[in-house]
Amino acid sequence: MTPWTSTPAALAGRSMLPRERWSEMRLSRVYALADYTDRDSSKDPVLAAKLLRRIGRDIGEGLLLLSGV
């Protein structure tokens, strides 16, 4: 059994899902590249890769906090 009850989602690009609908899908957080930069990451694969690594770290840190490690 996992220590968390919701599943985070990493989205490449923009999220059109309103926050009030997250719980319907058991999402605790939606990660969108557009929330991490003002630049267009769809035209810059190097930027997209950096943002995905950053989002991955954020997800990992959040899971560590939830697990109490």
PDB file of N, CA and C in Angstrom:
ATOM      1  N   MET A   1       0.847  -1.187   0.000  1.00  0.00           N
ATOM      2  CA  MET A   1       0.000   0.000   0.000  1.00  0.00           C
ATOM      3  C   MET A   1       0.885   1.241   0.000  1.00  0.00           C
ATOM      4  N   THR A   2       0.552   2.196  -0.827  1.00  0.00           N
ATOM      5  CA  THR A   2       1.345   3.413  -0.917  1.00  0.00           C
ATOM      6  C   THR A   2       0.945   4.394   0.179  1.00  0.00           C
ATOM      7  N   PRO A   3       1.868   5.260   0.594  1.00  0.00           N
ATOM      8  CA  PRO A   3       1.564   6.222   1.660  1.00  0.00           C
ATOM      9  C   PRO A   3       0.725   7.394   1.195  1.00  0.00           C
ATOM     10  N   TRP A   4       0.455   7.517  -0.092  1.00  0.00           N
ATOM     11  CA  TRP A   4      -0.349   8.614  -0.588  1.00  0.00           C
ATOM     12  C   TRP A   4      -1.644   8.070  -1.181  1.00  0.00           C
ATOM     13  N   THR A   5      -2.641   8.914  -1.279  1.00  0.00           N
ATOM     14  CA  THR A   5      -3.942   8.454  -1.766  1.00  0.00           C
ATOM     15  C   THR A   5      -4.271   9.006  -3.144  1.00  0.00           C
ATOM     16  N   SER A   6      -3.500   9.946  -3.635  1.00  0.00           N
ATOM     17  CA  SER A   6      -3.750  10.523  -4.942  1.00  0.00           C
ATOM     18  C   SER A   6      -2.543  10.311  -5.835  1.00  0.00           C
ATOM     19  N   THR A   7      -2.752  10.433  -7.119  1.00  0.00           N
ATOM     20  CA  THR A   7      -1.688  10.250  -8.090  1.00  0.00           C
ATOM     21  C   THR A   7      -1.361  11.584  -8.734  1.00  0.00           C
ATOM     22  N   PRO A   8      -0.100  12.026  -8.685  1.00  0.00           N
ATOM     23  CA  PRO A   8       0.249  13.249  -9.403  1.00  0.00           C
ATOM     24  C   PRO A   8       0.294  12.959 -10.908  1.00  0.00           C
ATOM     25  N   ALA A   9       0.131  13.975 -11.703  1.00  0.00           N
ATOM     26  CA  ALA A   9       0.215  13.814 -13.156  1.00  0.00           C
ATOM     27  C   ALA A   9       1.227  14.791 -13.714  1.00  0.00           C
ATOM     28  N   ALA A  10       2.121  14.317 -14.526  1.00  0.00           N
ATOM     29  CA  ALA A  10       3.057  15.193 -15.217  1.00  0.00           C
ATOM     30  C   ALA A  10       2.545  15.384 -16.631  1.00  0.00           C
ATOM     31  N   LEU A  11       2.358  16.614 -17.033  1.00  0.00           N
ATOM     32  CA  LEU A  11       1.829  16.915 -18.350  1.00  0.00           C
ATOM     33  C   LEU A  11       2.846  17.690 -19.159  1.00  0.00           C
ATOM     34  N   ALA A  12       3.115  17.244 -20.349  1.00  0.00           N
ATOM     35  CA  ALA A  12       4.019  17.974 -21.231  1.00  0.00           C
ATOM     36  C   ALA A  12       3.219  19.014 -21.989  1.00  0.00           C
ATOM     37  N   GLY A  13       3.355  20.231 -21.625  1.00  0.00           N
ATOM     38  CA  GLY A  13       2.623  21.312 -22.286  1.00  0.00           C
ATOM     39  C   GLY A  13       1.768  22.084 -21.318  1.00  0.00           C
ATOM     40  N   ARG A  14       0.515  22.279 -21.665  1.00  0.00           N
ATOM     41  CA  ARG A  14      -0.423  23.041 -20.837  1.00  0.00           C
ATOM     42  C   ARG A  14      -1.538  22.143 -20.354  1.00  0.00           C
ATOM     43  N   SER A  15      -2.053  22.435 -19.182  1.00  0.00           N
ATOM     44  CA  SER A  15      -3.190  21.695 -18.657  1.00  0.00           C
ATOM     45  C   SER A  15      -4.452  22.519 -18.843  1.00  0.00           C
ATOM     46  N   MET A  16      -5.442  21.910 -19.437  1.00  0.00           N
ATOM     47  CA  MET A  16      -6.736  22.568 -19.623  1.00  0.00           C
ATOM     48  C   MET A  16      -7.725  22.111 -18.551  1.00  0.00           C
ATOM     49  N   LEU A  17      -7.267  21.243 -17.655  1.00  0.00           N
ATOM     50  CA  LEU A  17      -8.128  20.681 -16.619  1.00  0.00           C
ATOM     51  C   LEU A  17      -8.222  21.646 -15.438  1.00  0.00           C
ATOM     52  N   PRO A  18      -9.409  22.166 -15.133  1.00  0.00           N
ATOM     53  CA  PRO A  18      -9.548  23.087 -13.993  1.00  0.00           C
ATOM     54  C   PRO A  18      -9.215  22.377 -12.677  1.00  0.00           C
ATOM     55  N   ARG A  19      -8.614  23.108 -11.777  1.00  0.00           N
ATOM     56  CA  ARG A  19      -8.197  22.532 -10.494  1.00  0.00           C
ATOM     57  C   ARG A  19      -9.356  21.871  -9.748  1.00  0.00           C
ATOM     58  N   GLU A  20     -10.545  22.443  -9.839  1.00  0.00           N
ATOM     59  CA  GLU A  20     -11.683  21.868  -9.108  1.00  0.00           C
ATOM     60  C   GLU A  20     -12.092  20.493  -9.638  1.00  0.00           C
ATOM     61  N   ARG A  21     -11.564  20.081 -10.775  1.00  0.00           N
ATOM     62  CA  ARG A  21     -11.872  18.761 -11.327  1.00  0.00           C
ATOM     63  C   ARG A  21     -10.799  17.720 -11.016  1.00  0.00           C
ATOM     64  N   TRP A  22      -9.682  18.150 -10.415  1.00  0.00           N
ATOM     65  CA  TRP A  22      -8.584  17.224 -10.124  1.00  0.00           C
ATOM     66  C   TRP A  22      -9.045  16.046  -9.275  1.00  0.00           C
ATOM     67  N   SER A  23      -9.861  16.324  -8.263  1.00  0.00           N
ATOM     68  CA  SER A  23     -10.265  15.262  -7.335  1.00  0.00           C
ATOM     69  C   SER A  23     -11.084  14.176  -8.034  1.00  0.00           C
ATOM     70  N   GLU A  24     -11.816  14.529  -9.080  1.00  0.00           N
ATOM     71  CA  GLU A  24     -12.578  13.534  -9.829  1.00  0.00           C
ATOM     72  C   GLU A  24     -11.665  12.454 -10.414  1.00  0.00           C
ATOM     73  N   MET A  25     -10.435  12.850 -10.698  1.00  0.00           N
ATOM     74  CA  MET A  25      -9.460  11.934 -11.287  1.00  0.00           C
ATOM     75  C   MET A  25      -8.415  11.481 -10.276  1.00  0.00           C
ATOM     76  N   ARG A  26      -8.675  11.784  -9.008  1.00  0.00           N
ATOM     77  CA  ARG A  26      -7.768  11.433  -7.909  1.00  0.00           C
ATOM     78  C   ARG A  26      -6.377  12.040  -8.081  1.00  0.00           C
ATOM     79  N   LEU A  27      -6.331  13.242  -8.605  1.00  0.00           N
ATOM     80  CA  LEU A  27      -5.066  13.937  -8.794  1.00  0.00           C
ATOM     81  C   LEU A  27      -4.809  14.868  -7.619  1.00  0.00           C
ATOM     82  N   SER A  28      -3.611  14.813  -7.098  1.00  0.00           N
ATOM     83  CA  SER A  28      -3.246  15.742  -6.033  1.00  0.00           C
ATOM     84  C   SER A  28      -2.558  16.970  -6.603  1.00  0.00           C
ATOM     85  N   ARG A  29      -1.977  16.827  -7.791  1.00  0.00           N
ATOM     86  CA  ARG A  29      -1.255  17.932  -8.408  1.00  0.00           C
ATOM     87  C   ARG A  29      -1.142  17.676  -9.898  1.00  0.00           C
ATOM     88  N   VAL A  30      -1.245  18.711 -10.674  1.00  0.00           N
ATOM     89  CA  VAL A  30      -1.030  18.620 -12.114  1.00  0.00           C
ATOM     90  C   VAL A  30       0.213  19.440 -12.437  1.00  0.00           C
ATOM     91  N   TYR A  31       1.163  18.813 -13.076  1.00  0.00           N
ATOM     92  CA  TYR A  31       2.408  19.476 -13.459  1.00  0.00           C
ATOM     93  C   TYR A  31       2.363  19.762 -14.953  1.00  0.00           C
ATOM     94  N   ALA A  32       2.475  21.017 -15.329  1.00  0.00           N
ATOM     95  CA  ALA A  32       2.480  21.402 -16.738  1.00  0.00           C
ATOM     96  C   ALA A  32       3.742  22.202 -17.021  1.00  0.00           C
ATOM     97  N   LEU A  33       4.403  21.897 -18.101  1.00  0.00           N
ATOM     98  CA  LEU A  33       5.616  22.619 -18.454  1.00  0.00           C
ATOM     99  C   LEU A  33       5.354  24.119 -18.537  1.00  0.00           C
ATOM    100  N   ALA A  34       4.204  24.509 -19.019  1.00  0.00           N
ATOM    101  CA  ALA A  34       3.868  25.930 -19.161  1.00  0.00           C
ATOM    102  C   ALA A  34       3.857  26.657 -17.822  1.00  0.00           C
ATOM    103  N   ASP A  35       3.659  25.914 -16.722  1.00  0.00           N
ATOM    104  CA  ASP A  35       3.669  26.539 -15.396  1.00  0.00           C
ATOM    105  C   ASP A  35       5.083  26.824 -14.899  1.00  0.00           C
ATOM    106  N   TYR A  36       6.075  26.277 -15.587  1.00  0.00           N
ATOM    107  CA  TYR A  36       7.464  26.409 -15.158  1.00  0.00           C
ATOM    108  C   TYR A  36       8.267  27.389 -16.010  1.00  0.00           C
ATOM    109  N   THR A  37       7.671  27.907 -17.063  1.00  0.00           N
ATOM    110  CA  THR A  37       8.405  28.822 -17.941  1.00  0.00           C
ATOM    111  C   THR A  37       7.443  29.723 -18.711  1.00  0.00           C
ATOM    112  N   ASP A  38       7.962  30.857 -19.148  1.00  0.00           N
ATOM    113  CA  ASP A  38       7.199  31.743 -20.026  1.00  0.00           C
ATOM    114  C   ASP A  38       7.514  31.454 -21.494  1.00  0.00           C
ATOM    115  N   ARG A  39       8.554  30.630 -21.708  1.00  0.00           N
ATOM    116  CA  ARG A  39       8.968  30.304 -23.070  1.00  0.00           C
ATOM    117  C   ARG A  39       8.153  29.134 -23.615  1.00  0.00           C
ATOM    118  N   ASP A  40       8.153  28.961 -24.921  1.00  0.00           N
ATOM    119  CA  ASP A  40       7.420  27.881 -25.576  1.00  0.00           C
ATOM    120  C   ASP A  40       8.302  26.636 -25.615  1.00  0.00           C
ATOM    121  N   SER A  41       8.078  25.741 -24.684  1.00  0.00           N
ATOM    122  CA  SER A  41       8.913  24.537 -24.582  1.00  0.00           C
ATOM    123  C   SER A  41       8.659  23.570 -25.738  1.00  0.00           C
ATOM    124  N   SER A  42       7.549  23.714 -26.456  1.00  0.00           N
ATOM    125  CA  SER A  42       7.282  22.829 -27.592  1.00  0.00           C
ATOM    126  C   SER A  42       8.227  23.097 -28.758  1.00  0.00           C
ATOM    127  N   LYS A  43       8.844  24.254 -28.764  1.00  0.00           N
ATOM    128  CA  LYS A  43       9.780  24.607 -29.828  1.00  0.00           C
ATOM    129  C   LYS A  43      11.232  24.497 -29.374  1.00  0.00           C
ATOM    130  N   ASP A  44      11.440  24.081 -28.142  1.00  0.00           N
ATOM    131  CA  ASP A  44      12.798  24.011 -27.588  1.00  0.00           C
ATOM    132  C   ASP A  44      12.961  22.714 -26.801  1.00  0.00           C
ATOM    133  N   PRO A  45      13.436  21.651 -27.465  1.00  0.00           N
ATOM    134  CA  PRO A  45      13.554  20.368 -26.783  1.00  0.00           C
ATOM    135  C   PRO A  45      14.537  20.374 -25.612  1.00  0.00           C
ATOM    136  N   VAL A  46      15.541  21.215 -25.668  1.00  0.00           N
ATOM    137  CA  VAL A  46      16.495  21.298 -24.552  1.00  0.00           C
ATOM    138  C   VAL A  46      15.788  21.884 -23.329  1.00  0.00           C
ATOM    139  N   LEU A  47      15.012  22.939 -23.537  1.00  0.00           N
ATOM    140  CA  LEU A  47      14.233  23.532 -22.445  1.00  0.00           C
ATOM    141  C   LEU A  47      13.230  22.519 -21.908  1.00  0.00           C
ATOM    142  N   ALA A  48      12.526  21.815 -22.804  1.00  0.00           N
ATOM    143  CA  ALA A  48      11.534  20.821 -22.372  1.00  0.00           C
ATOM    144  C   ALA A  48      12.189  19.753 -21.511  1.00  0.00           C
ATOM    145  N   ALA A  49      13.358  19.287 -21.905  1.00  0.00           N
ATOM    146  CA  ALA A  49      14.068  18.262 -21.129  1.00  0.00           C
ATOM    147  C   ALA A  49      14.445  18.787 -19.744  1.00  0.00           C
ATOM    148  N   LYS A  50      14.922  20.024 -19.661  1.00  0.00           N
ATOM    149  CA  LYS A  50      15.269  20.621 -18.363  1.00  0.00           C
ATOM    150  C   LYS A  50      14.033  20.732 -17.479  1.00  0.00           C
ATOM    151  N   LEU A  51      12.928  21.174 -18.069  1.00  0.00           N
ATOM    152  CA  LEU A  51      11.703  21.327 -17.285  1.00  0.00           C
ATOM    153  C   LEU A  51      11.184  19.977 -16.808  1.00  0.00           C
ATOM    154  N   LEU A  52      11.253  18.953 -17.652  1.00  0.00           N
ATOM    155  CA  LEU A  52      10.804  17.615 -17.243  1.00  0.00           C
ATOM    156  C   LEU A  52      11.654  17.068 -16.106  1.00  0.00           C
ATOM    157  N   ARG A  53      12.972  17.325 -16.151  1.00  0.00           N
ATOM    158  CA  ARG A  53      13.837  16.900 -15.030  1.00  0.00           C
ATOM    159  C   ARG A  53      13.436  17.627 -13.756  1.00  0.00           C
ATOM    160  N   ARG A  54      13.180  18.924 -13.869  1.00  0.00           N
ATOM    161  CA  ARG A  54      12.774  19.710 -12.690  1.00  0.00           C
ATOM    162  C   ARG A  54      11.443  19.197 -12.135  1.00  0.00           C
ATOM    163  N   ILE A  55      10.479  18.934 -13.020  1.00  0.00           N
ATOM    164  CA  ILE A  55       9.191  18.407 -12.582  1.00  0.00           C
ATOM    165  C   ILE A  55       9.378  17.045 -11.932  1.00  0.00           C
ATOM    166  N   GLY A  56      10.234  16.212 -12.506  1.00  0.00           N
ATOM    167  CA  GLY A  56      10.523  14.906 -11.912  1.00  0.00           C
ATOM    168  C   GLY A  56      11.079  15.037 -10.508  1.00  0.00           C
ATOM    169  N   ARG A  57      11.987  15.983 -10.306  1.00  0.00           N
ATOM    170  CA  ARG A  57      12.528  16.229  -8.953  1.00  0.00           C
ATOM    171  C   ARG A  57      11.424  16.698  -8.015  1.00  0.00           C
ATOM    172  N   ASP A  58      10.561  17.593  -8.489  1.00  0.00           N
ATOM    173  CA  ASP A  58       9.455  18.089  -7.659  1.00  0.00           C
ATOM    174  C   ASP A  58       8.524  16.951  -7.250  1.00  0.00           C
ATOM    175  N   ILE A  59       8.218  16.069  -8.198  1.00  0.00           N
ATOM    176  CA  ILE A  59       7.365  14.916  -7.885  1.00  0.00           C
ATOM    177  C   ILE A  59       8.050  14.022  -6.862  1.00  0.00           C
ATOM    178  N   GLY A  60       9.333  13.724  -7.078  1.00  0.00           N
ATOM    179  CA  GLY A  60      10.074  12.877  -6.150  1.00  0.00           C
ATOM    180  C   GLY A  60      10.152  13.471  -4.756  1.00  0.00           C
ATOM    181  N   GLU A  61      10.425  14.766  -4.667  1.00  0.00           N
ATOM    182  CA  GLU A  61      10.487  15.423  -3.360  1.00  0.00           C
ATOM    183  C   GLU A  61       9.128  15.382  -2.670  1.00  0.00           C
ATOM    184  N   GLY A  62       8.063  15.576  -3.431  1.00  0.00           N
ATOM    185  CA  GLY A  62       6.721  15.523  -2.857  1.00  0.00           C
ATOM    186  C   GLY A  62       6.403  14.138  -2.317  1.00  0.00           C
ATOM    187  N   LEU A  63       6.795  13.110  -3.048  1.00  0.00           N
ATOM    188  CA  LEU A  63       6.551  11.739  -2.586  1.00  0.00           C
ATOM    189  C   LEU A  63       7.365  11.428  -1.340  1.00  0.00           C
ATOM    190  N   LEU A  64       8.606  11.927  -1.279  1.00  0.00           N
ATOM    191  CA  LEU A  64       9.405  11.719  -0.075  1.00  0.00           C
ATOM    192  C   LEU A  64       8.763  12.379   1.137  1.00  0.00           C
ATOM    193  N   LEU A  65       8.249  13.586   0.947  1.00  0.00           N
ATOM    194  CA  LEU A  65       7.575  14.274   2.055  1.00  0.00           C
ATOM    195  C   LEU A  65       6.366  13.499   2.526  1.00  0.00           C
ATOM    196  N   LEU A  66       5.578  12.965   1.586  1.00  0.00           N
ATOM    197  CA  LEU A  66       4.389  12.212   1.935  1.00  0.00           C
ATOM    198  C   LEU A  66       4.726  10.903   2.633  1.00  0.00           C
ATOM    199  N   SER A  67       5.845  10.298   2.254  1.00  0.00           N
ATOM    200  CA  SER A  67       6.210   9.018   2.846  1.00  0.00           C
ATOM    201  C   SER A  67       6.926   9.175   4.183  1.00  0.00           C
ATOM    202  N   GLY A  68       7.322  10.403   4.509  1.00  0.00           N
ATOM    203  CA  GLY A  68       7.976  10.652   5.790  1.00  0.00           C
ATOM    204  C   GLY A  68       9.440  10.272   5.808  1.00  0.00           C
ATOM    205  N   VAL A  69      10.054  10.086   4.635  1.00  0.00           N
ATOM    206  CA  VAL A  69      11.459   9.708   4.557  1.00  0.00           C
ATOM    207  C   VAL A  69      12.326  10.924   4.735  1.00  0.00           C
TER     208      VAL A  69
END
